[in-house]
Amino acid sequence: MPQLLIGAHAFFGEAGALLFLWVLVELLNPSPERLRRARIVSMLGAFFLVAAWIVGGYYYVEFYGALVKPVIKGGPMPWAHSIVTETKEHVFLFLPFLAFLATGMISSVGQQLAENRRLRIALITLCGLIVLFAFAMAALGVTISSGFRSALESLVSSPVVGSVTL
């Protein structure tokens, strides 16, 4: 079950990132059709980021805190939790809100984006930040997983545990 949750969490997060990359591209040269697509895709992207939030939160509460965190903190890379997980938790909390902001802006000021270059650049920047932060979350997740794997490897190779068949 934990692996399924981790996979779903990563899938939803990265799909959300790719959808906001699509939105960013649609906003580069807005037309009524491209703005319509951007609105629909941003709603879908926000949904995926919220889904990643919910699945990740469930995994954290049910498995990570009790099972994974102590292993990482006791291994050779305790900073993988102390720094990386804490950073990921706090940055990730903002992603759905940024996605809702971008979606709301597209829905409310969409028609102005073709004429107002500064507004369009601001929204493109916001979408770019969503993409950047979401992909950074993936990199942080890989680091956390590496911390867990290195802790398990050091446990298995220790002289005390190494002689016991696991």
Protein backbone atom coordinates (compact mmCIF):
# COMPACT_ATOMS: atom_id res chain seq x y z
CA MET A 1 0.00 0.00 0.00
CA PRO A 2 2.71 2.60 0.80
CA GLN A 3 4.35 2.14 -2.60
CA LEU A 4 1.02 2.68 -4.33
CA LEU A 5 0.47 5.89 -2.36
CA ILE A 6 3.99 7.14 -3.14
CA GLY A 7 3.47 6.38 -6.83
CA ALA A 8 0.07 8.10 -6.90
CA HIS A 9 1.47 11.10 -5.03
CA ALA A 10 4.33 11.46 -7.51
CA PHE A 11 2.06 10.88 -10.52
CA PHE A 12 -0.50 13.50 -9.46
CA GLY A 13 2.21 16.03 -8.62
CA GLU A 14 4.14 15.64 -11.85
CA ALA A 15 0.97 15.53 -13.95
CA GLY A 16 -0.08 18.79 -12.26
CA ALA A 17 3.31 20.29 -13.11
CA LEU A 18 3.04 19.26 -16.75
CA LEU A 19 -0.49 20.62 -16.99
CA PHE A 20 0.67 24.01 -15.71
CA LEU A 21 3.52 23.91 -18.21
CA TRP A 22 0.82 23.47 -20.86
CA VAL A 23 -1.05 26.47 -19.41
CA LEU A 24 2.14 28.53 -19.56
CA VAL A 25 2.58 27.69 -23.26
CA GLU A 26 -1.07 28.57 -24.01
CA LEU A 27 -0.55 31.98 -22.35
CA LEU A 28 2.48 32.89 -24.47
CA ASN A 29 0.27 33.89 -27.38
CA PRO A 30 -3.29 34.11 -26.02
CA SER A 31 -6.29 33.82 -28.27
CA PRO A 32 -9.88 33.06 -27.22
CA GLU A 33 -9.37 29.35 -28.00
CA ARG A 34 -6.00 29.17 -26.21
CA LEU A 35 -7.44 30.97 -23.17
CA ARG A 36 -10.33 28.51 -23.07
CA ARG A 37 -7.87 25.62 -23.13
CA ALA A 38 -5.69 27.32 -20.49
CA ARG A 39 -8.69 27.68 -18.18
CA ILE A 40 -9.70 24.02 -18.56
CA VAL A 41 -6.13 22.71 -18.23
CA SER A 42 -5.42 24.92 -15.20
CA MET A 43 -8.51 23.53 -13.46
CA LEU A 44 -7.32 20.01 -14.20
CA GLY A 45 -3.80 20.90 -13.02
CA ALA A 46 -5.17 22.34 -9.77
CA PHE A 47 -7.21 19.16 -9.26
CA PHE A 48 -4.09 17.01 -9.75
CA LEU A 49 -2.05 19.10 -7.30
CA VAL A 50 -4.82 18.84 -4.70
CA ALA A 51 -4.95 15.08 -5.29
CA ALA A 52 -1.16 14.90 -4.75
CA TRP A 53 -1.64 16.93 -1.56
CA ILE A 54 -4.31 14.57 -0.22
CA VAL A 55 -2.52 11.35 -1.15
CA GLY A 56 0.81 12.66 0.18
CA GLY A 57 -0.83 13.77 3.42
CA TYR A 58 -2.47 10.39 3.91
CA TYR A 59 0.85 8.61 3.26
CA TYR A 60 2.65 10.91 5.70
CA VAL A 61 0.13 10.40 8.50
CA GLU A 62 -0.35 6.65 8.02
CA PHE A 63 3.15 5.47 7.07
CA TYR A 64 5.93 8.03 6.85
CA GLY A 65 5.80 9.47 10.37
CA ALA A 66 5.77 6.13 12.15
CA LEU A 67 7.78 3.89 9.81
CA VAL A 68 9.99 5.85 7.42
CA LYS A 69 10.99 8.94 9.40
CA PRO A 70 12.70 7.02 12.25
CA VAL A 71 14.66 4.91 9.76
CA ILE A 72 15.88 7.98 7.85
CA LYS A 73 16.78 9.86 11.04
CA GLY A 74 18.74 6.83 12.30
CA GLY A 75 20.61 6.33 9.03
CA PRO A 76 23.62 7.96 7.40
CA MET A 77 21.51 10.77 5.87
CA PRO A 78 19.38 12.12 8.74
CA TRP A 79 19.33 15.51 7.01
CA ALA A 80 17.14 13.88 4.33
CA HIS A 81 14.31 14.23 6.82
CA SER A 82 15.46 17.16 8.95
CA ILE A 83 16.05 19.47 6.01
CA VAL A 84 14.62 17.97 2.82
CA THR A 85 11.31 16.57 4.12
CA GLU A 86 10.64 19.68 6.18
CA THR A 87 11.34 21.89 3.17
CA LYS A 88 9.16 19.74 0.93
CA GLU A 89 6.28 19.83 3.40
CA HIS A 90 6.28 23.61 3.66
CA VAL A 91 6.78 24.43 -0.01
CA PHE A 92 4.29 21.79 -1.12
CA LEU A 93 1.59 23.32 1.07
CA PHE A 94 1.55 26.38 -1.19
CA LEU A 95 1.27 24.62 -4.54
CA PRO A 96 -2.51 24.06 -4.60
CA PHE A 97 -3.08 27.65 -3.50
CA LEU A 98 -0.84 28.95 -6.30
CA ALA A 99 -2.72 26.68 -8.71
CA PHE A 100 -6.07 28.07 -7.52
CA LEU A 101 -4.72 31.61 -7.89
CA ALA A 102 -3.59 30.95 -11.47
CA THR A 103 -6.87 29.25 -12.34
CA GLY A 104 -8.87 32.10 -10.80
CA MET A 105 -6.84 34.70 -12.66
CA ILE A 106 -7.32 32.94 -15.99
CA SER A 107 -11.05 32.66 -15.35
CA SER A 108 -11.53 36.24 -14.20
CA VAL A 109 -9.12 38.26 -16.36
CA GLY A 110 -8.64 35.88 -19.28
CA GLN A 111 -9.88 38.28 -21.94
CA GLN A 112 -7.51 41.02 -20.72
CA LEU A 113 -4.45 38.80 -21.15
CA ALA A 114 -4.30 39.38 -24.90
CA GLU A 115 -4.07 43.17 -24.47
CA ASN A 116 -2.32 43.52 -21.10
CA ARG A 117 1.26 42.30 -21.50
CA ARG A 118 2.23 42.93 -17.86
CA LEU A 119 -0.72 40.91 -16.59
CA ARG A 120 0.13 38.10 -19.02
CA ILE A 121 3.79 38.09 -17.90
CA ALA A 122 2.71 37.96 -14.25
CA LEU A 123 0.46 34.97 -14.93
CA ILE A 124 3.12 33.22 -17.02
CA THR A 125 5.58 33.77 -14.16
CA LEU A 126 3.10 32.31 -11.67
CA CYS A 127 2.59 29.23 -13.86
CA GLY A 128 6.36 28.92 -14.26
CA LEU A 129 6.79 28.98 -10.49
CA ILE A 130 4.17 26.27 -10.09
CA VAL A 131 6.03 24.11 -12.61
CA LEU A 132 9.42 24.83 -11.02
CA PHE A 133 8.19 24.12 -7.48
CA ALA A 134 6.39 20.93 -8.52
CA PHE A 135 9.47 19.53 -10.25
CA ALA A 136 11.59 20.57 -7.25
CA MET A 137 9.20 18.53 -5.08
CA ALA A 138 10.02 15.49 -7.23
CA ALA A 139 13.75 16.05 -6.74
CA LEU A 140 13.25 16.43 -2.99
CA GLY A 141 11.20 13.21 -2.97
CA VAL A 142 14.05 11.35 -4.66
CA THR A 143 16.45 12.67 -2.01
CA ILE A 144 14.14 11.51 0.79
CA SER A 145 13.84 8.06 -0.81
CA SER A 146 17.63 7.92 -1.12
CA GLY A 147 17.91 8.70 2.58
CA PHE A 148 15.57 5.82 3.37
CA ARG A 149 17.38 3.40 1.06
CA SER A 150 20.81 4.35 2.43
CA ALA A 151 19.54 3.79 5.97
CA LEU A 152 18.24 0.34 5.03
CA GLU A 153 21.49 -0.53 3.27
CA SER A 154 23.57 0.52 6.27
CA LEU A 155 21.28 -1.49 8.53
CA VAL A 156 21.60 -4.64 6.41
CA SER A 157 25.39 -4.30 6.07
CA SER A 158 25.98 -3.67 9.79
CA PRO A 159 27.87 -6.49 11.55
CA VAL A 160 25.04 -7.07 14.01
CA VAL A 161 22.23 -7.30 11.48
CA GLY A 162 24.33 -8.58 8.59
CA SER A 163 24.65 -12.01 10.13
CA VAL A 164 20.88 -12.34 10.57
CA THR A 165 18.74 -13.42 7.64
CA LEU A 166 16.11 -10.78 7.00
